[in-house]
PDB file of all heavy atoms in Angstrom:
ATOM      1  N   MET A   1       7.044  -8.330   0.890  1.00  0.00           N
ATOM      2  CA  MET A   1       6.657  -9.672   1.395  1.00  0.00           C
ATOM      3  C   MET A   1       7.765 -10.703   1.184  1.00  0.00           C
ATOM      4  O   MET A   1       8.029 -11.543   2.040  1.00  0.00           O
ATOM      5  CB  MET A   1       5.378 -10.100   0.680  1.00  0.00           C
ATOM      6  CG  MET A   1       4.868 -11.491   1.097  1.00  0.00           C
ATOM      7  SD  MET A   1       5.536 -12.857   0.114  1.00  0.00           S
ATOM      8  CE  MET A   1       4.700 -12.540  -1.468  1.00  0.00           C
ATOM      9  N   GLU A   2       8.454 -10.596   0.034  1.00  0.00           N
ATOM     10  CA  GLU A   2       9.460 -11.584  -0.329  1.00  0.00           C
ATOM     11  C   GLU A   2      10.817 -11.338   0.350  1.00  0.00           C
ATOM     12  O   GLU A   2      11.721 -12.178   0.230  1.00  0.00           O
ATOM     13  CB  GLU A   2       9.638 -11.630  -1.834  1.00  0.00           C
ATOM     14  CG  GLU A   2       8.392 -12.164  -2.586  1.00  0.00           C
ATOM     15  CD  GLU A   2       8.541 -12.114  -4.091  1.00  0.00           C
ATOM     16  OE1 GLU A   2       9.438 -11.361  -4.562  1.00  0.00           O
ATOM     17  OE2 GLU A   2       7.783 -12.783  -4.787  1.00  0.00           O
ATOM     18  N   ASN A   3      10.975 -10.208   1.039  1.00  0.00           N
ATOM     19  CA  ASN A   3      12.272  -9.852   1.615  1.00  0.00           C
ATOM     20  C   ASN A   3      12.119  -9.443   3.089  1.00  0.00           C
ATOM     21  O   ASN A   3      12.408  -8.288   3.460  1.00  0.00           O
ATOM     22  CB  ASN A   3      12.923  -8.733   0.822  1.00  0.00           C
ATOM     23  CG  ASN A   3      13.297  -9.145  -0.588  1.00  0.00           C
ATOM     24  OD1 ASN A   3      14.320  -9.756  -0.819  1.00  0.00           O
ATOM     25  ND2 ASN A   3      12.430  -8.817  -1.534  1.00  0.00           N
ATOM     26  N   PRO A   4      11.683 -10.356   3.963  1.00  0.00           N
ATOM     27  CA  PRO A   4      11.486 -10.016   5.368  1.00  0.00           C
ATOM     28  C   PRO A   4      12.792  -9.694   6.091  1.00  0.00           C
ATOM     29  O   PRO A   4      12.752  -9.065   7.181  1.00  0.00           O
ATOM     30  CB  PRO A   4      10.839 -11.270   5.944  1.00  0.00           C
ATOM     31  CG  PRO A   4      11.294 -12.364   5.052  1.00  0.00           C
ATOM     32  CD  PRO A   4      11.374 -11.765   3.688  1.00  0.00           C
ATOM     33  N   ASP A   5      13.915 -10.100   5.548  1.00  0.00           N
ATOM     34  CA  ASP A   5      15.192  -9.854   6.210  1.00  0.00           C
ATOM     35  C   ASP A   5      15.790  -8.499   5.879  1.00  0.00           C
ATOM     36  O   ASP A   5      16.832  -8.103   6.411  1.00  0.00           O
ATOM     37  CB  ASP A   5      16.178 -10.954   5.789  1.00  0.00           C
ATOM     38  CG  ASP A   5      16.334 -11.103   4.297  1.00  0.00           C
ATOM     39  OD1 ASP A   5      15.334 -10.824   3.575  1.00  0.00           O
ATOM     40  OD2 ASP A   5      17.435 -11.429   3.835  1.00  0.00           O
ATOM     41  N   ILE A   6      15.101  -7.731   5.017  1.00  0.00           N
ATOM     42  CA  ILE A   6      15.571  -6.393   4.635  1.00  0.00           C
ATOM     43  C   ILE A   6      14.626  -5.340   5.207  1.00  0.00           C
ATOM     44  O   ILE A   6      13.403  -5.525   5.191  1.00  0.00           O
ATOM     45  CB  ILE A   6      15.639  -6.255   3.096  1.00  0.00           C
ATOM     46  CG1 ILE A   6      16.538  -7.340   2.488  1.00  0.00           C
ATOM     47  CG2 ILE A   6      16.188  -4.895   2.699  1.00  0.00           C
ATOM     48  CD1 ILE A   6      16.578  -7.328   0.975  1.00  0.00           C
ATOM     49  N   ASN A   7      15.193  -4.268   5.703  1.00  0.00           N
ATOM     50  CA  ASN A   7      14.378  -3.197   6.320  1.00  0.00           C
ATOM     51  C   ASN A   7      13.787  -2.283   5.222  1.00  0.00           C
ATOM     52  O   ASN A   7      14.324  -1.202   4.937  1.00  0.00           O
ATOM     53  CB  ASN A   7      15.210  -2.365   7.284  1.00  0.00           C
ATOM     54  CG  ASN A   7      15.610  -3.188   8.492  1.00  0.00           C
ATOM     55  OD1 ASN A   7      14.992  -4.169   8.839  1.00  0.00           O
ATOM     56  ND2 ASN A   7      16.691  -2.771   9.132  1.00  0.00           N
ATOM     57  N   ILE A   8      12.709  -2.734   4.629  1.00  0.00           N
ATOM     58  CA  ILE A   8      12.069  -1.953   3.554  1.00  0.00           C
ATOM     59  C   ILE A   8      10.572  -1.835   3.833  1.00  0.00           C
ATOM     60  O   ILE A   8      10.017  -2.602   4.623  1.00  0.00           O
ATOM     61  CB  ILE A   8      12.294  -2.567   2.148  1.00  0.00           C
ATOM     62  CG1 ILE A   8      11.795  -4.024   2.102  1.00  0.00           C
ATOM     63  CG2 ILE A   8      13.773  -2.499   1.810  1.00  0.00           C
ATOM     64  CD1 ILE A   8      11.923  -4.680   0.745  1.00  0.00           C
ATOM     65  N   ALA A   9       9.940  -0.903   3.133  1.00  0.00           N
ATOM     66  CA  ALA A   9       8.501  -0.682   3.258  1.00  0.00           C
ATOM     67  C   ALA A   9       7.952  -0.360   1.894  1.00  0.00           C
ATOM     68  O   ALA A   9       8.725  -0.122   0.929  1.00  0.00           O
ATOM     69  CB  ALA A   9       8.198   0.445   4.242  1.00  0.00           C
ATOM     70  N   SER A  10       6.635  -0.323   1.772  1.00  0.00           N
ATOM     71  CA  SER A  10       6.024  -0.002   0.500  1.00  0.00           C
ATOM     72  C   SER A  10       4.796   0.885   0.698  1.00  0.00           C
ATOM     73  O   SER A  10       4.288   0.997   1.797  1.00  0.00           O
ATOM     74  CB  SER A  10       5.605  -1.279  -0.249  1.00  0.00           C
ATOM     75  OG  SER A  10       4.590  -1.956   0.446  1.00  0.00           O
ATOM     76  N   ILE A  11       4.416   1.542  -0.386  1.00  0.00           N
ATOM     77  CA  ILE A  11       3.173   2.299  -0.434  1.00  0.00           C
ATOM     78  C   ILE A  11       2.286   1.623  -1.484  1.00  0.00           C
ATOM     79  O   ILE A  11       2.682   1.437  -2.622  1.00  0.00           O
ATOM     80  CB  ILE A  11       3.447   3.764  -0.843  1.00  0.00           C
ATOM     81  CG1 ILE A  11       4.264   4.468   0.227  1.00  0.00           C
ATOM     82  CG2 ILE A  11       2.142   4.487  -1.074  1.00  0.00           C
ATOM     83  CD1 ILE A  11       4.724   5.866  -0.165  1.00  0.00           C
ATOM     84  N   ALA A  12       1.097   1.224  -1.058  1.00  0.00           N
ATOM     85  CA  ALA A  12       0.197   0.492  -1.941  1.00  0.00           C
ATOM     86  C   ALA A  12      -1.219   0.574  -1.395  1.00  0.00           C
ATOM     87  O   ALA A  12      -1.487   1.264  -0.387  1.00  0.00           O
ATOM     88  CB  ALA A  12       0.639  -0.982  -2.081  1.00  0.00           C
ATOM     89  N   ASN A  13      -2.145  -0.123  -2.050  1.00  0.00           N
ATOM     90  CA  ASN A  13      -3.552  -0.114  -1.575  1.00  0.00           C
ATOM     91  C   ASN A  13      -3.805  -1.291  -0.603  1.00  0.00           C
ATOM     92  O   ASN A  13      -2.990  -2.158  -0.424  1.00  0.00           O
ATOM     93  CB  ASN A  13      -4.523  -0.147  -2.768  1.00  0.00           C
ATOM     94  CG  ASN A  13      -4.331  -1.401  -3.629  1.00  0.00           C
ATOM     95  OD1 ASN A  13      -4.288  -2.516  -3.145  1.00  0.00           O
ATOM     96  ND2 ASN A  13      -4.276  -1.208  -4.925  1.00  0.00           N
ATOM     97  N   ASP A  14      -5.004  -1.259   0.001  1.00  0.00           N
ATOM     98  CA  ASP A  14      -5.310  -2.292   0.984  1.00  0.00           C
ATOM     99  C   ASP A  14      -5.481  -3.674   0.351  1.00  0.00           C
ATOM    100  O   ASP A  14      -5.303  -4.693   1.015  1.00  0.00           O
ATOM    101  CB  ASP A  14      -6.525  -1.922   1.834  1.00  0.00           C
ATOM    102  CG  ASP A  14      -7.709  -1.456   0.999  1.00  0.00           C
ATOM    103  OD1 ASP A  14      -7.639  -1.511  -0.238  1.00  0.00           O
ATOM    104  OD2 ASP A  14      -8.685  -0.971   1.596  1.00  0.00           O
ATOM    105  N   MET A  15      -5.835  -3.695  -0.941  1.00  0.00           N
ATOM    106  CA  MET A  15      -5.901  -4.984  -1.637  1.00  0.00           C
ATOM    107  C   MET A  15      -4.542  -5.638  -1.689  1.00  0.00           C
ATOM    108  O   MET A  15      -4.405  -6.862  -1.524  1.00  0.00           O
ATOM    109  CB  MET A  15      -6.466  -4.766  -3.047  1.00  0.00           C
ATOM    110  CG  MET A  15      -6.838  -6.026  -3.793  1.00  0.00           C
ATOM    111  SD  MET A  15      -7.471  -5.616  -5.438  1.00  0.00           S
ATOM    112  CE  MET A  15      -8.169  -7.191  -5.925  1.00  0.00           C
ATOM    113  N   ALA A  16      -3.497  -4.852  -1.898  1.00  0.00           N
ATOM    114  CA  ALA A  16      -2.126  -5.376  -1.944  1.00  0.00           C
ATOM    115  C   ALA A  16      -1.684  -5.856  -0.572  1.00  0.00           C
ATOM    116  O   ALA A  16      -1.024  -6.887  -0.444  1.00  0.00           O
ATOM    117  CB  ALA A  16      -1.168  -4.287  -2.452  1.00  0.00           C
ATOM    118  N   ALA A  17      -2.081  -5.114   0.488  1.00  0.00           N
ATOM    119  CA  ALA A  17      -1.754  -5.563   1.833  1.00  0.00           C
ATOM    120  C   ALA A  17      -2.350  -6.908   2.151  1.00  0.00           C
ATOM    121  O   ALA A  17      -1.716  -7.799   2.720  1.00  0.00           O
ATOM    122  CB  ALA A  17      -2.215  -4.505   2.849  1.00  0.00           C
ATOM    123  N   GLU A  18      -3.614  -7.085   1.713  1.00  0.00           N
ATOM    124  CA  GLU A  18      -4.275  -8.364   1.934  1.00  0.00           C
ATOM    125  C   GLU A  18      -3.670  -9.472   1.104  1.00  0.00           C
ATOM    126  O   GLU A  18      -3.395 -10.586   1.595  1.00  0.00           O
ATOM    127  CB  GLU A  18      -5.765  -8.232   1.596  1.00  0.00           C
ATOM    128  CG  GLU A  18      -6.551  -9.512   1.748  1.00  0.00           C
ATOM    129  CD  GLU A  18      -7.973  -9.370   1.288  1.00  0.00           C
ATOM    130  OE1 GLU A  18      -8.428  -8.236   1.068  1.00  0.00           O
ATOM    131  OE2 GLU A  18      -8.655 -10.406   1.101  1.00  0.00           O
ATOM    132  N   GLU A  19      -3.391  -9.177  -0.165  1.00  0.00           N
ATOM    133  CA  GLU A  19      -2.856 -10.179  -1.100  1.00  0.00           C
ATOM    134  C   GLU A  19      -1.496 -10.691  -0.657  1.00  0.00           C
ATOM    135  O   GLU A  19      -1.187 -11.891  -0.755  1.00  0.00           O
ATOM    136  CB  GLU A  19      -2.780  -9.606  -2.505  1.00  0.00           C
ATOM    137  CG  GLU A  19      -2.228 -10.510  -3.545  1.00  0.00           C
ATOM    138  CD  GLU A  19      -3.150 -11.638  -3.922  1.00  0.00           C
ATOM    139  OE1 GLU A  19      -4.395 -11.440  -3.887  1.00  0.00           O
ATOM    140  OE2 GLU A  19      -2.672 -12.750  -4.275  1.00  0.00           O
ATOM    141  N   TYR A  20      -0.652  -9.797  -0.159  1.00  0.00           N
ATOM    142  CA  TYR A  20       0.743 -10.149   0.149  1.00  0.00           C
ATOM    143  C   TYR A  20       1.015 -10.225   1.636  1.00  0.00           C
ATOM    144  O   TYR A  20       2.178 -10.373   2.035  1.00  0.00           O
ATOM    145  CB  TYR A  20       1.694  -9.164  -0.552  1.00  0.00           C
ATOM    146  CG  TYR A  20       1.525  -9.185  -2.043  1.00  0.00           C
ATOM    147  CD1 TYR A  20       0.937  -8.159  -2.737  1.00  0.00           C
ATOM    148  CD2 TYR A  20       1.926 -10.327  -2.780  1.00  0.00           C
ATOM    149  CE1 TYR A  20       0.766  -8.193  -4.115  1.00  0.00           C
ATOM    150  CE2 TYR A  20       1.777 -10.374  -4.142  1.00  0.00           C
ATOM    151  CZ  TYR A  20       1.162  -9.316  -4.805  1.00  0.00           C
ATOM    152  OH  TYR A  20       1.023  -9.359  -6.183  1.00  0.00           O
ATOM    153  N   GLY A  21       0.022 -10.170   2.462  1.00  0.00           N
ATOM    154  CA  GLY A  21       0.167 -10.388   3.889  1.00  0.00           C
ATOM    155  C   GLY A  21       0.963  -9.357   4.627  1.00  0.00           C
ATOM    156  O   GLY A  21       1.717  -9.678   5.564  1.00  0.00           O
ATOM    157  N   LEU A  22       0.835  -8.086   4.236  1.00  0.00           N
ATOM    158  CA  LEU A  22       1.568  -7.017   4.894  1.00  0.00           C
ATOM    159  C   LEU A  22       0.709  -6.307   5.950  1.00  0.00           C
ATOM    160  O   LEU A  22      -0.507  -6.429   5.930  1.00  0.00           O
ATOM    161  CB  LEU A  22       2.037  -5.991   3.853  1.00  0.00           C
ATOM    162  CG  LEU A  22       2.931  -6.518   2.723  1.00  0.00           C
ATOM    163  CD1 LEU A  22       3.418  -5.378   1.858  1.00  0.00           C
ATOM    164  CD2 LEU A  22       4.128  -7.332   3.269  1.00  0.00           C
ATOM    165  N   THR A  23       1.390  -5.600   6.820  1.00  0.00           N
ATOM    166  CA  THR A  23       0.704  -4.855   7.868  1.00  0.00           C
ATOM    167  C   THR A  23       0.658  -3.381   7.492  1.00  0.00           C
ATOM    168  O   THR A  23       1.691  -2.778   7.210  1.00  0.00           O
ATOM    169  CB  THR A  23       1.441  -4.997   9.230  1.00  0.00           C
ATOM    170  OG1 THR A  23       1.459  -6.376   9.585  1.00  0.00           O
ATOM    171  CG2 THR A  23       0.731  -4.203  10.295  1.00  0.00           C
ATOM    172  N   ILE A  24      -0.541  -2.818   7.473  1.00  0.00           N
ATOM    173  CA  ILE A  24      -0.698  -1.406   7.174  1.00  0.00           C
ATOM    174  C   ILE A  24      -0.370  -0.629   8.455  1.00  0.00           C
ATOM    175  O   ILE A  24      -1.092  -0.736   9.458  1.00  0.00           O
ATOM    176  CB  ILE A  24      -2.106  -1.070   6.674  1.00  0.00           C
ATOM    177  CG1 ILE A  24      -2.364  -1.755   5.333  1.00  0.00           C
ATOM    178  CG2 ILE A  24      -2.292   0.441   6.555  1.00  0.00           C
ATOM    179  CD1 ILE A  24      -3.753  -1.533   4.781  1.00  0.00           C
ATOM    180  N   VAL A  25       0.693   0.171   8.397  1.00  0.00           N
ATOM    181  CA  VAL A  25       1.111   0.948   9.553  1.00  0.00           C
ATOM    182  C   VAL A  25       0.328   2.281   9.639  1.00  0.00           C
ATOM    183  O   VAL A  25      -0.064   2.716  10.707  1.00  0.00           O
ATOM    184  CB  VAL A  25       2.622   1.247   9.484  1.00  0.00           C
ATOM    185  CG1 VAL A  25       3.049   2.121  10.664  1.00  0.00           C
ATOM    186  CG2 VAL A  25       3.393  -0.055   9.497  1.00  0.00           C
ATOM    187  N   LYS A  26       0.102   2.871   8.486  1.00  0.00           N
ATOM    188  CA  LYS A  26      -0.655   4.111   8.458  1.00  0.00           C
ATOM    189  C   LYS A  26      -1.513   4.154   7.178  1.00  0.00           C
ATOM    190  O   LYS A  26      -0.984   3.941   6.076  1.00  0.00           O
ATOM    191  CB  LYS A  26       0.253   5.343   8.519  1.00  0.00           C
ATOM    192  CG  LYS A  26      -0.542   6.626   8.706  1.00  0.00           C
ATOM    193  CD  LYS A  26       0.367   7.796   9.081  1.00  0.00           C
ATOM    194  CE  LYS A  26      -0.470   9.036   9.381  1.00  0.00           C
ATOM    195  NZ  LYS A  26       0.362  10.181   9.792  1.00  0.00           N
ATOM    196  N   GLN A  27      -2.786   4.413   7.351  1.00  0.00           N
ATOM    197  CA  GLN A  27      -3.719   4.445   6.209  1.00  0.00           C
ATOM    198  C   GLN A  27      -3.819   5.857   5.640  1.00  0.00           C
ATOM    199  O   GLN A  27      -3.549   6.839   6.314  1.00  0.00           O
ATOM    200  CB  GLN A  27      -5.111   3.994   6.645  1.00  0.00           C
ATOM    201  CG  GLN A  27      -5.212   2.526   7.054  1.00  0.00           C
ATOM    202  CD  GLN A  27      -6.611   2.130   7.400  1.00  0.00           C
ATOM    203  OE1 GLN A  27      -7.316   2.835   8.119  1.00  0.00           O
ATOM    204  NE2 GLN A  27      -7.056   0.997   6.880  1.00  0.00           N
ATOM    205  N   ASN A  28      -4.227   5.869   4.393  1.00  0.00           N
ATOM    206  CA  ASN A  28      -4.555   7.140   3.690  1.00  0.00           C
ATOM    207  C   ASN A  28      -3.474   8.179   3.852  1.00  0.00           C
ATOM    208  O   ASN A  28      -3.684   9.296   4.395  1.00  0.00           O
ATOM    209  CB  ASN A  28      -5.898   7.670   4.240  1.00  0.00           C
ATOM    210  CG  ASN A  28      -7.042   6.727   4.000  1.00  0.00           C
ATOM    211  OD1 ASN A  28      -7.091   6.036   2.980  1.00  0.00           O
ATOM    212  ND2 ASN A  28      -7.958   6.656   4.938  1.00  0.00           N
ATOM    213  N   ILE A  29      -2.306   7.851   3.341  1.00  0.00           N
ATOM    214  CA  ILE A  29      -1.171   8.765   3.453  1.00  0.00           C
ATOM    215  C   ILE A  29      -1.054   9.700   2.249  1.00  0.00           C
ATOM    216  O   ILE A  29      -0.100  10.485   2.164  1.00  0.00           O
ATOM    217  CB  ILE A  29       0.141   7.964   3.641  1.00  0.00           C
ATOM    218  CG1 ILE A  29       0.435   7.140   2.405  1.00  0.00           C
ATOM    219  CG2 ILE A  29       0.079   7.125   4.911  1.00  0.00           C
ATOM    220  CD1 ILE A  29       1.827   6.528   2.428  1.00  0.00           C
ATOM    221  N   HIS A  30      -1.960   9.602   1.312  1.00  0.00           N
ATOM    222  CA  HIS A  30      -1.920  10.450   0.127  1.00  0.00           C
ATOM    223  C   HIS A  30      -2.149  11.903   0.480  1.00  0.00           C
ATOM    224  O   HIS A  30      -2.838  12.230   1.440  1.00  0.00           O
ATOM    225  CB  HIS A  30      -2.958   9.964  -0.896  1.00  0.00           C
ATOM    226  CG  HIS A  30      -4.256   9.518  -0.293  1.00  0.00           C
ATOM    227  ND1 HIS A  30      -4.455   8.234   0.177  1.00  0.00           N
ATOM    228  CD2 HIS A  30      -5.398  10.197  -0.031  1.00  0.00           C
ATOM    229  CE1 HIS A  30      -5.664   8.134   0.668  1.00  0.00           C
ATOM    230  NE2 HIS A  30      -6.256   9.328   0.548  1.00  0.00           N
ATOM    231  N   ASP A  31      -1.595  12.785  -0.318  1.00  0.00           N
ATOM    232  CA  ASP A  31      -1.650  14.208  -0.056  1.00  0.00           C
ATOM    233  C   ASP A  31      -3.059  14.803  -0.267  1.00  0.00           C
ATOM    234  O   ASP A  31      -3.445  15.737   0.426  1.00  0.00           O
ATOM    235  CB  ASP A  31      -0.660  14.981  -0.957  1.00  0.00           C
ATOM    236  CG  ASP A  31       0.794  14.618  -0.676  1.00  0.00           C
ATOM    237  OD1 ASP A  31       1.057  14.037   0.413  1.00  0.00           O
ATOM    238  OD2 ASP A  31       1.656  14.917  -1.510  1.00  0.00           O
ATOM    239  N   TYR A  32      -3.757  14.265  -1.253  1.00  0.00           N
ATOM    240  CA  TYR A  32      -5.051  14.829  -1.652  1.00  0.00           C
ATOM    241  C   TYR A  32      -6.168  13.780  -1.533  1.00  0.00           C
ATOM    242  O   TYR A  32      -6.013  12.652  -1.988  1.00  0.00           O
ATOM    243  CB  TYR A  32      -4.990  15.374  -3.080  1.00  0.00           C
ATOM    244  CG  TYR A  32      -3.946  16.463  -3.222  1.00  0.00           C
ATOM    245  CD1 TYR A  32      -2.684  16.154  -3.741  1.00  0.00           C
ATOM    246  CD2 TYR A  32      -4.199  17.761  -2.875  1.00  0.00           C
ATOM    247  CE1 TYR A  32      -1.709  17.124  -3.897  1.00  0.00           C
ATOM    248  CE2 TYR A  32      -3.246  18.747  -3.024  1.00  0.00           C
ATOM    249  CZ  TYR A  32      -1.994  18.426  -3.542  1.00  0.00           C
ATOM    250  OH  TYR A  32      -1.044  19.404  -3.669  1.00  0.00           O
ATOM    251  N   GLU A  33      -7.259  14.181  -0.912  1.00  0.00           N
ATOM    252  CA  GLU A  33      -8.341  13.237  -0.642  1.00  0.00           C
ATOM    253  C   GLU A  33      -9.156  12.875  -1.881  1.00  0.00           C
ATOM    254  O   GLU A  33      -9.832  11.844  -1.905  1.00  0.00           O
ATOM    255  CB  GLU A  33      -9.296  13.856   0.404  1.00  0.00           C
ATOM    256  CG  GLU A  33      -8.682  13.959   1.792  1.00  0.00           C
ATOM    257  CD  GLU A  33      -8.324  12.592   2.369  1.00  0.00           C
ATOM    258  OE1 GLU A  33      -9.082  11.621   2.128  1.00  0.00           O
ATOM    259  OE2 GLU A  33      -7.278  12.507   3.043  1.00  0.00           O
ATOM    260  N   HIS A  34      -9.133  13.686  -2.916  1.00  0.00           N
ATOM    261  CA  HIS A  34     -10.021  13.494  -4.041  1.00  0.00           C
ATOM    262  C   HIS A  34      -9.319  12.921  -5.272  1.00  0.00           C
ATOM    263  O   HIS A  34      -9.732  13.173  -6.413  1.00  0.00           O
ATOM    264  CB  HIS A  34     -10.734  14.805  -4.383  1.00  0.00           C
ATOM    265  CG  HIS A  34     -11.517  15.367  -3.240  1.00  0.00           C
ATOM    266  ND1 HIS A  34     -12.628  14.769  -2.719  1.00  0.00           N
ATOM    267  CD2 HIS A  34     -11.266  16.463  -2.450  1.00  0.00           C
ATOM    268  CE1 HIS A  34     -13.105  15.476  -1.698  1.00  0.00           C
ATOM    269  NE2 HIS A  34     -12.266  16.499  -1.523  1.00  0.00           N
ATOM    270  N   ASN A  35      -8.258  12.170  -5.059  1.00  0.00           N
ATOM    271  CA  ASN A  35      -7.551  11.593  -6.179  1.00  0.00           C
ATOM    272  C   ASN A  35      -8.294  10.386  -6.704  1.00  0.00           C
ATOM    273  O   ASN A  35      -8.739   9.509  -5.934  1.00  0.00           O
ATOM    274  CB  ASN A  35      -6.134  11.163  -5.738  1.00  0.00           C
ATOM    275  CG  ASN A  35      -5.288  10.708  -6.909  1.00  0.00           C
ATOM    276  OD1 ASN A  35      -5.565  11.030  -8.064  1.00  0.00           O
ATOM    277  ND2 ASN A  35      -4.235   9.963  -6.623  1.00  0.00           N
ATOM    278  N   HIS A  36      -8.478  10.303  -8.001  1.00  0.00           N
ATOM    279  CA  HIS A  36      -9.153   9.189  -8.662  1.00  0.00           C
ATOM    280  C   HIS A  36      -8.361   8.804  -9.946  1.00  0.00           C
ATOM    281  O   HIS A  36      -7.656   9.618 -10.510  1.00  0.00           O
ATOM    282  CB  HIS A  36     -10.589   9.533  -9.041  1.00  0.00           C
ATOM    283  CG  HIS A  36     -11.504   9.682  -7.880  1.00  0.00           C
ATOM    284  ND1 HIS A  36     -11.471  10.770  -7.032  1.00  0.00           N
ATOM    285  CD2 HIS A  36     -12.483   8.860  -7.398  1.00  0.00           C
ATOM    286  CE1 HIS A  36     -12.377  10.614  -6.087  1.00  0.00           C
ATOM    287  NE2 HIS A  36     -13.010   9.473  -6.282  1.00  0.00           N
ATOM    288  N   THR A  37      -8.544   7.586 -10.345  1.00  0.00           N
ATOM    289  CA  THR A  37      -8.015   7.132 -11.641  1.00  0.00           C
ATOM    290  C   THR A  37      -9.141   6.553 -12.481  1.00  0.00           C
ATOM    291  O   THR A  37      -9.990   5.816 -11.994  1.00  0.00           O
ATOM    292  CB  THR A  37      -6.916   6.035 -11.425  1.00  0.00           C
ATOM    293  OG1 THR A  37      -5.795   6.666 -10.776  1.00  0.00           O
ATOM    294  CG2 THR A  37      -6.476   5.484 -12.781  1.00  0.00           C
ATOM    295  N   LYS A  38      -9.117   6.907 -13.790  1.00  0.00           N
ATOM    296  CA  LYS A  38     -10.065   6.357 -14.731  1.00  0.00           C
ATOM    297  C   LYS A  38      -9.424   5.224 -15.514  1.00  0.00           C
ATOM    298  O   LYS A  38      -8.224   5.317 -15.888  1.00  0.00           O
ATOM    299  CB  LYS A  38     -10.526   7.449 -15.698  1.00  0.00           C
ATOM    300  CG  LYS A  38     -11.463   8.465 -15.102  1.00  0.00           C
ATOM    301  CD  LYS A  38     -11.912   9.461 -16.153  1.00  0.00           C
ATOM    302  CE  LYS A  38     -12.856  10.502 -15.559  1.00  0.00           C
ATOM    303  NZ  LYS A  38     -13.276  11.492 -16.566  1.00  0.00           N
ATOM    304  N   PHE A  39     -10.189   4.198 -15.752  1.00  0.00           N
ATOM    305  CA  PHE A  39      -9.755   3.080 -16.569  1.00  0.00           C
ATOM    306  C   PHE A  39     -10.749   2.878 -17.703  1.00  0.00           C
ATOM    307  O   PHE A  39     -11.938   3.172 -17.539  1.00  0.00           O
ATOM    308  CB  PHE A  39      -9.697   1.788 -15.734  1.00  0.00           C
ATOM    309  CG  PHE A  39      -8.752   1.857 -14.541  1.00  0.00           C
ATOM    310  CD1 PHE A  39      -9.153   2.440 -13.343  1.00  0.00           C
ATOM    311  CD2 PHE A  39      -7.495   1.326 -14.636  1.00  0.00           C
ATOM    312  CE1 PHE A  39      -8.298   2.494 -12.272  1.00  0.00           C
ATOM    313  CE2 PHE A  39      -6.634   1.379 -13.564  1.00  0.00           C
ATOM    314  CZ  PHE A  39      -7.033   1.969 -12.372  1.00  0.00           C
ATOM    315  N   ILE A  40     -10.279   2.404 -18.811  1.00  0.00           N
ATOM    316  CA  ILE A  40     -11.181   2.124 -19.939  1.00  0.00           C
ATOM    317  C   ILE A  40     -11.173   0.626 -20.226  1.00  0.00           C
ATOM    318  O   ILE A  40     -10.174  -0.076 -20.013  1.00  0.00           O
ATOM    319  CB  ILE A  40     -10.818   2.890 -21.215  1.00  0.00           C
ATOM    320  CG1 ILE A  40      -9.358   2.621 -21.623  1.00  0.00           C
ATOM    321  CG2 ILE A  40     -11.076   4.385 -21.029  1.00  0.00           C
ATOM    322  CD1 ILE A  40      -9.042   3.176 -23.026  1.00  0.00           C
TER     323      ILE A  40
END
């Protein structure tokens, strides 16, 4: 978001796309559908 003049891209979640005003080109690019993270 901060470097529109540079040809770069990112991998992140849809919350980040919304927060930083990015365009999602392709959704769900992860290799495995059942990936989860636990938090405490």
